[in-house]
Amino acid sequence: MWLGVWLPVAIILAIALRWSPCYPIPPAQKLPLLGSLYLLAPPLLGWLSTRQGTTLSDYGVGWDGSTGRSLLLGLIGGVAGVIGLYWGQQILGWTTPIQPLTCRREWGRVLGVTLAIGLGVSWVEELVFRGYLVTQLQQTYTPWLAAILASAILLCCIWCGRDETPFPNCRGCG
């Protein structure tokens, strides 16, 4: 079903981007293809859940006070972690200083776009891999095994086929 909905979009994008399937896809062409998949996943899962008589909350998508607090704490922890890692690398001399943006408007735009992309991508990945996929795998496997399998599938989707993968055994996946 995923392929049937996404493939026509992917074909149109591949033609528009002049991508040749005989060659590895460059990152500039990969982003629009993956972006279209990320935009199609939530409505497709919403449609699928209504057909199955479930809701997106059955896949872990819900909103209440604890979700908002968790999101805020996660954002604060993530930003603090990135800043701490950067400062630590600066102290050790592993990185060069970042060139400051000259305009406050640039800061707002860069932070806004980065936050929107980061939250959107992570939300879709949680919905698909931790929500839908784990729910489907739990129909056959134990919850622990379903979580491990979903994590392994996500790992292969992210790292497999790359030359710089930190997991040597993962090279055969892609």
N, C-alpha and C. Protein backbone atom coordinates (compact mmCIF):
# COMPACT_ATOMS: atom_id res chain seq x y z
N MET A 1 0.83 -1.19 0.00
CA MET A 1 0.00 0.00 0.00
C MET A 1 0.87 1.26 0.00
N TRP A 2 1.92 1.28 0.88
CA TRP A 2 2.82 2.44 0.92
C TRP A 2 3.40 2.72 -0.46
N LEU A 3 3.86 1.66 -1.08
CA LEU A 3 4.50 1.79 -2.38
C LEU A 3 3.51 2.27 -3.43
N GLY A 4 2.29 1.78 -3.36
CA GLY A 4 1.28 2.16 -4.33
C GLY A 4 0.90 3.63 -4.26
N VAL A 5 0.94 4.20 -3.06
CA VAL A 5 0.61 5.61 -2.90
C VAL A 5 1.82 6.49 -3.19
N TRP A 6 2.98 6.07 -2.70
CA TRP A 6 4.17 6.92 -2.81
C TRP A 6 4.86 6.81 -4.17
N LEU A 7 4.81 5.63 -4.79
CA LEU A 7 5.54 5.42 -6.03
C LEU A 7 5.18 6.41 -7.14
N PRO A 8 3.90 6.70 -7.39
CA PRO A 8 3.61 7.70 -8.43
C PRO A 8 4.21 9.07 -8.11
N VAL A 9 4.17 9.47 -6.86
CA VAL A 9 4.77 10.75 -6.45
C VAL A 9 6.27 10.69 -6.66
N ALA A 10 6.89 9.58 -6.25
CA ALA A 10 8.34 9.43 -6.37
C ALA A 10 8.77 9.44 -7.84
N ILE A 11 8.00 8.83 -8.70
CA ILE A 11 8.35 8.80 -10.13
C ILE A 11 8.29 10.21 -10.72
N ILE A 12 7.26 10.94 -10.38
CA ILE A 12 7.14 12.31 -10.88
C ILE A 12 8.31 13.16 -10.37
N LEU A 13 8.63 13.02 -9.07
CA LEU A 13 9.76 13.77 -8.51
C LEU A 13 11.08 13.35 -9.14
N ALA A 14 11.27 12.05 -9.35
CA ALA A 14 12.52 11.57 -9.95
C ALA A 14 12.69 12.12 -11.36
N ILE A 15 11.61 12.20 -12.12
CA ILE A 15 11.68 12.77 -13.47
C ILE A 15 11.99 14.26 -13.39
N ALA A 16 11.31 14.96 -12.48
CA ALA A 16 11.54 16.40 -12.34
C ALA A 16 12.97 16.70 -11.88
N LEU A 17 13.53 15.83 -11.03
CA LEU A 17 14.89 16.02 -10.53
C LEU A 17 15.95 15.48 -11.48
N ARG A 18 15.51 14.82 -12.55
CA ARG A 18 16.41 14.19 -13.53
C ARG A 18 17.32 13.16 -12.87
N TRP A 19 16.73 12.35 -12.01
CA TRP A 19 17.49 11.31 -11.32
C TRP A 19 17.54 10.06 -12.19
N SER A 20 18.70 9.46 -12.28
CA SER A 20 18.87 8.22 -13.03
C SER A 20 19.02 7.08 -12.03
N PRO A 21 18.13 6.09 -12.06
CA PRO A 21 18.20 5.00 -11.09
C PRO A 21 19.46 4.14 -11.21
N CYS A 22 20.20 4.29 -12.28
CA CYS A 22 21.43 3.51 -12.46
C CYS A 22 22.58 4.06 -11.62
N TYR A 23 22.42 5.25 -11.08
CA TYR A 23 23.48 5.89 -10.30
C TYR A 23 23.00 6.14 -8.89
N PRO A 24 23.93 6.20 -7.92
CA PRO A 24 23.53 6.52 -6.55
C PRO A 24 22.86 7.89 -6.51
N ILE A 25 21.88 8.00 -5.64
CA ILE A 25 21.13 9.24 -5.57
C ILE A 25 21.88 10.26 -4.72
N PRO A 26 22.16 11.44 -5.26
CA PRO A 26 22.85 12.46 -4.48
C PRO A 26 21.92 13.05 -3.41
N PRO A 27 22.49 13.57 -2.31
CA PRO A 27 21.66 14.10 -1.22
C PRO A 27 20.68 15.18 -1.68
N ALA A 28 21.06 16.01 -2.62
CA ALA A 28 20.16 17.08 -3.07
C ALA A 28 18.90 16.51 -3.73
N GLN A 29 18.99 15.32 -4.30
CA GLN A 29 17.83 14.69 -4.91
C GLN A 29 17.11 13.78 -3.92
N LYS A 30 17.84 13.29 -2.92
CA LYS A 30 17.25 12.39 -1.94
C LYS A 30 16.26 13.10 -1.03
N LEU A 31 16.56 14.35 -0.67
CA LEU A 31 15.70 15.07 0.25
C LEU A 31 14.27 15.27 -0.27
N PRO A 32 14.07 15.69 -1.51
CA PRO A 32 12.68 15.81 -1.98
C PRO A 32 11.95 14.47 -2.03
N LEU A 33 12.65 13.41 -2.39
CA LEU A 33 12.00 12.09 -2.43
C LEU A 33 11.59 11.64 -1.03
N LEU A 34 12.50 11.77 -0.07
CA LEU A 34 12.17 11.39 1.30
C LEU A 34 11.15 12.34 1.91
N GLY A 35 11.27 13.62 1.58
CA GLY A 35 10.30 14.59 2.10
C GLY A 35 8.88 14.26 1.68
N SER A 36 8.72 13.82 0.44
CA SER A 36 7.38 13.45 -0.02
C SER A 36 6.86 12.23 0.74
N LEU A 37 7.75 11.30 1.05
CA LEU A 37 7.35 10.13 1.83
C LEU A 37 6.94 10.53 3.24
N TYR A 38 7.69 11.45 3.84
CA TYR A 38 7.37 11.92 5.19
C TYR A 38 6.06 12.70 5.20
N LEU A 39 5.74 13.41 4.14
CA LEU A 39 4.48 14.15 4.08
C LEU A 39 3.29 13.22 3.84
N LEU A 40 3.50 12.11 3.14
CA LEU A 40 2.41 11.19 2.86
C LEU A 40 2.11 10.23 4.01
N ALA A 41 3.10 9.95 4.86
CA ALA A 41 2.92 8.94 5.90
C ALA A 41 1.80 9.25 6.89
N PRO A 42 1.72 10.44 7.50
CA PRO A 42 0.64 10.67 8.47
C PRO A 42 -0.77 10.57 7.89
N PRO A 43 -1.06 11.19 6.72
CA PRO A 43 -2.42 11.01 6.20
C PRO A 43 -2.72 9.56 5.82
N LEU A 44 -1.72 8.86 5.31
CA LEU A 44 -1.92 7.47 4.94
C LEU A 44 -2.20 6.61 6.18
N LEU A 45 -1.46 6.84 7.25
CA LEU A 45 -1.72 6.10 8.49
C LEU A 45 -3.07 6.50 9.10
N GLY A 46 -3.46 7.76 8.96
CA GLY A 46 -4.77 8.18 9.44
C GLY A 46 -5.88 7.47 8.68
N TRP A 47 -5.74 7.38 7.37
CA TRP A 47 -6.73 6.67 6.56
C TRP A 47 -6.76 5.19 6.92
N LEU A 48 -5.58 4.61 7.09
CA LEU A 48 -5.49 3.20 7.43
C LEU A 48 -6.11 2.91 8.79
N SER A 49 -5.87 3.79 9.75
CA SER A 49 -6.43 3.56 11.08
C SER A 49 -7.95 3.67 11.07
N THR A 50 -8.52 4.57 10.27
CA THR A 50 -9.99 4.64 10.19
C THR A 50 -10.57 3.40 9.53
N ARG A 51 -9.85 2.85 8.54
CA ARG A 51 -10.32 1.61 7.89
C ARG A 51 -10.27 0.44 8.84
N GLN A 52 -9.29 0.44 9.76
CA GLN A 52 -9.13 -0.66 10.71
C GLN A 52 -9.94 -0.45 11.99
N GLY A 53 -10.62 0.68 12.08
CA GLY A 53 -11.43 0.96 13.26
C GLY A 53 -10.59 1.36 14.47
N THR A 54 -9.41 1.90 14.23
CA THR A 54 -8.55 2.37 15.31
C THR A 54 -8.36 3.88 15.16
N THR A 55 -7.60 4.44 16.06
CA THR A 55 -7.27 5.86 15.97
C THR A 55 -5.76 6.00 15.99
N LEU A 56 -5.27 7.18 15.66
CA LEU A 56 -3.83 7.41 15.72
C LEU A 56 -3.30 7.31 17.14
N SER A 57 -4.17 7.50 18.14
CA SER A 57 -3.70 7.34 19.52
C SER A 57 -3.34 5.89 19.82
N ASP A 58 -3.88 4.95 19.05
CA ASP A 58 -3.47 3.55 19.21
C ASP A 58 -2.03 3.34 18.74
N TYR A 59 -1.53 4.26 17.93
CA TYR A 59 -0.14 4.20 17.48
C TYR A 59 0.75 5.14 18.29
N GLY A 60 0.21 5.69 19.38
CA GLY A 60 1.01 6.53 20.25
C GLY A 60 0.92 8.01 19.96
N VAL A 61 0.05 8.42 19.04
CA VAL A 61 -0.09 9.83 18.73
C VAL A 61 -1.26 10.37 19.53
N GLY A 62 -0.93 11.13 20.51
CA GLY A 62 -1.94 11.76 21.35
C GLY A 62 -1.34 13.01 21.96
N TRP A 63 -2.19 13.84 22.51
CA TRP A 63 -1.68 15.07 23.10
C TRP A 63 -2.38 15.30 24.43
N ASP A 64 -1.58 15.48 25.45
CA ASP A 64 -2.08 15.88 26.76
C ASP A 64 -0.98 16.67 27.45
N GLY A 65 -1.20 17.02 28.71
CA GLY A 65 -0.22 17.82 29.42
C GLY A 65 1.13 17.15 29.56
N SER A 66 1.13 15.85 29.79
CA SER A 66 2.42 15.17 29.95
C SER A 66 3.19 15.12 28.63
N THR A 67 2.49 15.06 27.51
CA THR A 67 3.16 15.07 26.21
C THR A 67 3.85 16.41 25.98
N GLY A 68 3.17 17.49 26.31
CA GLY A 68 3.75 18.82 26.16
C GLY A 68 4.96 19.01 27.06
N ARG A 69 4.86 18.54 28.31
CA ARG A 69 6.00 18.64 29.23
C ARG A 69 7.17 17.80 28.72
N SER A 70 6.89 16.60 28.24
CA SER A 70 7.95 15.74 27.72
C SER A 70 8.61 16.37 26.50
N LEU A 71 7.81 16.96 25.62
CA LEU A 71 8.36 17.63 24.45
C LEU A 71 9.25 18.79 24.85
N LEU A 72 8.81 19.60 25.79
CA LEU A 72 9.60 20.75 26.25
C LEU A 72 10.89 20.29 26.91
N LEU A 73 10.81 19.28 27.78
CA LEU A 73 12.02 18.77 28.42
C LEU A 73 12.98 18.15 27.40
N GLY A 74 12.43 17.47 26.41
CA GLY A 74 13.27 16.89 25.37
C GLY A 74 13.97 17.96 24.54
N LEU A 75 13.25 19.01 24.19
CA LEU A 75 13.86 20.11 23.44
C LEU A 75 14.95 20.79 24.25
N ILE A 76 14.67 21.06 25.53
CA ILE A 76 15.68 21.69 26.39
C ILE A 76 16.90 20.79 26.52
N GLY A 77 16.67 19.51 26.75
CA GLY A 77 17.79 18.58 26.88
C GLY A 77 18.58 18.45 25.59
N GLY A 78 17.89 18.42 24.45
CA GLY A 78 18.56 18.32 23.17
C GLY A 78 19.41 19.54 22.86
N VAL A 79 18.85 20.72 23.09
CA VAL A 79 19.60 21.96 22.84
C VAL A 79 20.79 22.05 23.79
N ALA A 80 20.57 21.75 25.05
CA ALA A 80 21.67 21.79 26.01
C ALA A 80 22.75 20.77 25.64
N GLY A 81 22.36 19.60 25.17
CA GLY A 81 23.33 18.59 24.77
C GLY A 81 24.16 19.02 23.57
N VAL A 82 23.50 19.61 22.57
CA VAL A 82 24.22 20.07 21.38
C VAL A 82 25.18 21.19 21.75
N ILE A 83 24.72 22.14 22.56
CA ILE A 83 25.59 23.24 22.99
C ILE A 83 26.76 22.71 23.81
N GLY A 84 26.48 21.78 24.73
CA GLY A 84 27.55 21.19 25.54
C GLY A 84 28.58 20.44 24.70
N LEU A 85 28.11 19.66 23.73
CA LEU A 85 29.03 18.95 22.84
C LEU A 85 29.87 19.92 22.01
N TYR A 86 29.23 20.96 21.52
CA TYR A 86 29.97 21.94 20.73
C TYR A 86 31.04 22.63 21.57
N TRP A 87 30.66 23.07 22.76
CA TRP A 87 31.64 23.73 23.64
C TRP A 87 32.78 22.78 24.00
N GLY A 88 32.43 21.55 24.30
CA GLY A 88 33.47 20.56 24.63
C GLY A 88 34.43 20.35 23.47
N GLN A 89 33.91 20.28 22.26
CA GLN A 89 34.76 20.12 21.08
C GLN A 89 35.58 21.37 20.82
N GLN A 90 35.03 22.53 21.13
CA GLN A 90 35.79 23.78 21.00
C GLN A 90 36.96 23.80 21.98
N ILE A 91 36.70 23.39 23.22
CA ILE A 91 37.75 23.38 24.24
C ILE A 91 38.86 22.41 23.85
N LEU A 92 38.50 21.26 23.29
CA LEU A 92 39.50 20.27 22.89
C LEU A 92 40.15 20.60 21.54
N GLY A 93 39.66 21.62 20.86
CA GLY A 93 40.24 22.02 19.58
C GLY A 93 39.83 21.15 18.41
N TRP A 94 38.72 20.45 18.53
CA TRP A 94 38.27 19.54 17.48
C TRP A 94 37.47 20.24 16.39
N THR A 95 36.94 21.42 16.68
CA THR A 95 36.12 22.14 15.71
C THR A 95 36.63 23.57 15.58
N THR A 96 36.20 24.20 14.50
CA THR A 96 36.50 25.62 14.33
C THR A 96 35.27 26.41 14.75
N PRO A 97 35.47 27.64 15.18
CA PRO A 97 34.31 28.44 15.61
C PRO A 97 33.31 28.64 14.48
N ILE A 98 32.05 28.66 14.84
CA ILE A 98 30.97 28.89 13.88
C ILE A 98 30.95 30.38 13.54
N GLN A 99 30.81 30.68 12.26
CA GLN A 99 30.69 32.08 11.85
C GLN A 99 29.32 32.59 12.29
N PRO A 100 29.27 33.67 13.03
CA PRO A 100 27.96 34.16 13.51
C PRO A 100 27.11 34.70 12.36
N LEU A 101 25.82 34.52 12.50
CA LEU A 101 24.90 35.10 11.53
C LEU A 101 24.82 36.60 11.81
N THR A 102 24.75 37.38 10.76
CA THR A 102 24.85 38.82 10.93
C THR A 102 23.51 39.48 11.24
N CYS A 103 22.44 38.82 10.98
CA CYS A 103 21.13 39.44 11.12
C CYS A 103 20.25 38.60 12.03
N ARG A 104 19.51 39.27 12.91
CA ARG A 104 18.61 38.53 13.80
C ARG A 104 17.52 37.80 13.03
N ARG A 105 17.11 38.36 11.90
CA ARG A 105 16.11 37.68 11.08
C ARG A 105 16.63 36.33 10.61
N GLU A 106 17.91 36.25 10.28
CA GLU A 106 18.50 34.98 9.87
C GLU A 106 18.44 33.97 11.00
N TRP A 107 18.73 34.40 12.22
CA TRP A 107 18.67 33.49 13.36
C TRP A 107 17.27 32.91 13.51
N GLY A 108 16.28 33.78 13.45
CA GLY A 108 14.90 33.31 13.61
C GLY A 108 14.50 32.34 12.52
N ARG A 109 14.89 32.64 11.30
CA ARG A 109 14.55 31.76 10.17
C ARG A 109 15.26 30.42 10.29
N VAL A 110 16.56 30.47 10.59
CA VAL A 110 17.34 29.23 10.71
C VAL A 110 16.81 28.38 11.85
N LEU A 111 16.57 28.98 13.00
CA LEU A 111 16.06 28.21 14.14
C LEU A 111 14.65 27.69 13.89
N GLY A 112 13.82 28.51 13.26
CA GLY A 112 12.45 28.08 12.97
C GLY A 112 12.39 26.90 12.01
N VAL A 113 13.15 27.00 10.93
CA VAL A 113 13.16 25.91 9.95
C VAL A 113 13.78 24.65 10.54
N THR A 114 14.88 24.81 11.29
CA THR A 114 15.52 23.65 11.92
C THR A 114 14.58 22.98 12.92
N LEU A 115 13.91 23.77 13.72
CA LEU A 115 12.97 23.21 14.70
C LEU A 115 11.80 22.52 14.00
N ALA A 116 11.25 23.14 12.98
CA ALA A 116 10.12 22.54 12.26
C ALA A 116 10.52 21.22 11.60
N ILE A 117 11.65 21.20 10.93
CA ILE A 117 12.10 19.96 10.27
C ILE A 117 12.42 18.90 11.31
N GLY A 118 13.13 19.29 12.37
CA GLY A 118 13.48 18.31 13.41
C GLY A 118 12.26 17.70 14.08
N LEU A 119 11.30 18.53 14.44
CA LEU A 119 10.09 18.01 15.09
C LEU A 119 9.24 17.21 14.11
N GLY A 120 9.13 17.69 12.87
CA GLY A 120 8.32 16.97 11.89
C GLY A 120 8.87 15.61 11.55
N VAL A 121 10.17 15.54 11.28
CA VAL A 121 10.79 14.26 10.93
C VAL A 121 10.73 13.30 12.11
N SER A 122 11.05 13.79 13.30
CA SER A 122 11.03 12.89 14.46
C SER A 122 9.61 12.42 14.76
N TRP A 123 8.61 13.28 14.58
CA TRP A 123 7.23 12.88 14.83
C TRP A 123 6.79 11.80 13.85
N VAL A 124 7.12 11.97 12.57
CA VAL A 124 6.74 10.96 11.57
C VAL A 124 7.47 9.65 11.83
N GLU A 125 8.77 9.71 12.17
CA GLU A 125 9.50 8.48 12.47
C GLU A 125 8.93 7.77 13.68
N GLU A 126 8.57 8.51 14.71
CA GLU A 126 7.95 7.89 15.88
C GLU A 126 6.60 7.28 15.52
N LEU A 127 5.82 7.98 14.72
CA LEU A 127 4.52 7.47 14.30
C LEU A 127 4.66 6.18 13.50
N VAL A 128 5.58 6.17 12.54
CA VAL A 128 5.71 5.02 11.65
C VAL A 128 6.45 3.87 12.34
N PHE A 129 7.63 4.15 12.91
CA PHE A 129 8.47 3.06 13.41
C PHE A 129 8.13 2.65 14.83
N ARG A 130 7.84 3.59 15.71
CA ARG A 130 7.52 3.23 17.09
C ARG A 130 6.04 3.02 17.29
N GLY A 131 5.23 3.56 16.41
CA GLY A 131 3.79 3.41 16.54
C GLY A 131 3.24 2.30 15.68
N TYR A 132 3.13 2.58 14.38
CA TYR A 132 2.50 1.62 13.47
C TYR A 132 3.28 0.32 13.37
N LEU A 133 4.58 0.40 13.10
CA LEU A 133 5.36 -0.81 12.88
C LEU A 133 5.42 -1.69 14.13
N VAL A 134 5.64 -1.09 15.30
CA VAL A 134 5.68 -1.88 16.53
C VAL A 134 4.32 -2.52 16.79
N THR A 135 3.24 -1.77 16.55
CA THR A 135 1.90 -2.32 16.76
C THR A 135 1.66 -3.53 15.85
N GLN A 136 2.07 -3.42 14.60
CA GLN A 136 1.90 -4.54 13.67
C GLN A 136 2.78 -5.73 14.06
N LEU A 137 4.02 -5.46 14.45
CA LEU A 137 4.93 -6.55 14.83
C LEU A 137 4.49 -7.24 16.12
N GLN A 138 3.84 -6.51 17.02
CA GLN A 138 3.39 -7.11 18.28
C GLN A 138 2.25 -8.10 18.06
N GLN A 139 1.65 -8.08 16.91
CA GLN A 139 0.62 -9.07 16.63
C GLN A 139 1.23 -10.46 16.44
N THR A 140 2.52 -10.50 16.10
CA THR A 140 3.20 -11.77 15.87
C THR A 140 4.28 -12.05 16.91
N TYR A 141 4.98 -11.01 17.36
CA TYR A 141 6.13 -11.18 18.24
C TYR A 141 5.85 -10.58 19.61
N THR A 142 6.74 -10.88 20.56
CA THR A 142 6.64 -10.30 21.89
C THR A 142 6.94 -8.80 21.80
N PRO A 143 6.48 -8.02 22.77
CA PRO A 143 6.75 -6.57 22.71
C PRO A 143 8.24 -6.22 22.61
N TRP A 144 9.08 -6.94 23.34
CA TRP A 144 10.52 -6.67 23.29
C TRP A 144 11.08 -6.95 21.90
N LEU A 145 10.73 -8.08 21.34
CA LEU A 145 11.24 -8.43 20.01
C LEU A 145 10.68 -7.48 18.95
N ALA A 146 9.43 -7.08 19.09
CA ALA A 146 8.84 -6.13 18.14
C ALA A 146 9.59 -4.80 18.20
N ALA A 147 9.92 -4.33 19.39
CA ALA A 147 10.67 -3.07 19.53
C ALA A 147 12.07 -3.19 18.94
N ILE A 148 12.72 -4.32 19.16
CA ILE A 148 14.07 -4.53 18.62
C ILE A 148 14.02 -4.58 17.09
N LEU A 149 13.05 -5.29 16.54
CA LEU A 149 12.92 -5.38 15.08
C LEU A 149 12.63 -4.02 14.46
N ALA A 150 11.73 -3.25 15.08
CA ALA A 150 11.41 -1.92 14.55
C ALA A 150 12.65 -1.02 14.60
N SER A 151 13.41 -1.10 15.67
CA SER A 151 14.64 -0.30 15.78
C SER A 151 15.67 -0.73 14.73
N ALA A 152 15.78 -2.03 14.49
CA ALA A 152 16.72 -2.52 13.48
C ALA A 152 16.31 -2.07 12.08
N ILE A 153 15.02 -2.07 11.80
CA ILE A 153 14.53 -1.61 10.50
C ILE A 153 14.82 -0.12 10.33
N LEU A 154 14.57 0.67 11.37
CA LEU A 154 14.87 2.10 11.30
C LEU A 154 16.37 2.33 11.11
N LEU A 155 17.19 1.56 11.82
CA LEU A 155 18.64 1.67 11.68
C LEU A 155 19.07 1.42 10.24
N CYS A 156 18.53 0.38 9.65
CA CYS A 156 18.89 0.07 8.26
C CYS A 156 18.37 1.13 7.29
N CYS A 157 17.22 1.70 7.58
CA CYS A 157 16.71 2.77 6.71
C CYS A 157 17.62 3.99 6.76
N ILE A 158 18.20 4.25 7.90
CA ILE A 158 19.05 5.43 8.06
C ILE A 158 20.47 5.17 7.59
N TRP A 159 21.07 4.04 8.00
CA TRP A 159 22.51 3.83 7.80
C TRP A 159 22.89 2.91 6.65
N CYS A 160 22.04 1.99 6.29
CA CYS A 160 22.46 0.99 5.31
C CYS A 160 22.69 1.60 3.94
N GLY A 161 23.73 1.13 3.28
CA GLY A 161 24.08 1.63 1.97
C GLY A 161 25.06 2.78 2.00
N ARG A 162 25.36 3.29 3.19
CA ARG A 162 26.34 4.38 3.31
C ARG A 162 27.73 3.79 3.50
N ASP A 163 28.71 4.47 2.99
CA ASP A 163 30.09 4.02 3.17
C ASP A 163 30.58 4.27 4.58
N GLU A 164 30.08 5.32 5.23
CA GLU A 164 30.59 5.69 6.54
C GLU A 164 29.79 5.08 7.69
N THR A 165 29.03 4.03 7.42
CA THR A 165 28.22 3.42 8.47
C THR A 165 29.10 2.91 9.61
N PRO A 166 28.70 3.18 10.86
CA PRO A 166 29.49 2.70 11.99
C PRO A 166 29.24 1.23 12.30
N PHE A 167 28.35 0.60 11.54
CA PHE A 167 27.98 -0.79 11.79
C PHE A 167 28.42 -1.64 10.61
N PRO A 168 29.58 -2.32 10.71
CA PRO A 168 30.10 -3.06 9.56
C PRO A 168 29.13 -4.08 8.98
N ASN A 169 28.38 -4.75 9.82
CA ASN A 169 27.47 -5.79 9.34
C ASN A 169 26.28 -5.20 8.60
N CYS A 170 26.05 -3.91 8.73
CA CYS A 170 24.91 -3.26 8.10
C CYS A 170 25.16 -2.95 6.63
N ARG A 171 26.39 -3.08 6.18
CA ARG A 171 26.70 -2.75 4.78
C ARG A 171 25.96 -3.63 3.81
N GLY A 172 25.65 -4.85 4.20
CA GLY A 172 24.96 -5.77 3.30
C GLY A 172 23.49 -5.47 3.15
N CYS A 173 22.94 -4.57 3.96
CA CYS A 173 21.50 -4.29 3.90
C CYS A 173 21.12 -3.49 2.66
N GLY A 174 22.00 -2.59 2.22
CA GLY A 174 21.58 -1.65 1.19
C GLY A 174 22.15 -1.88 -0.14
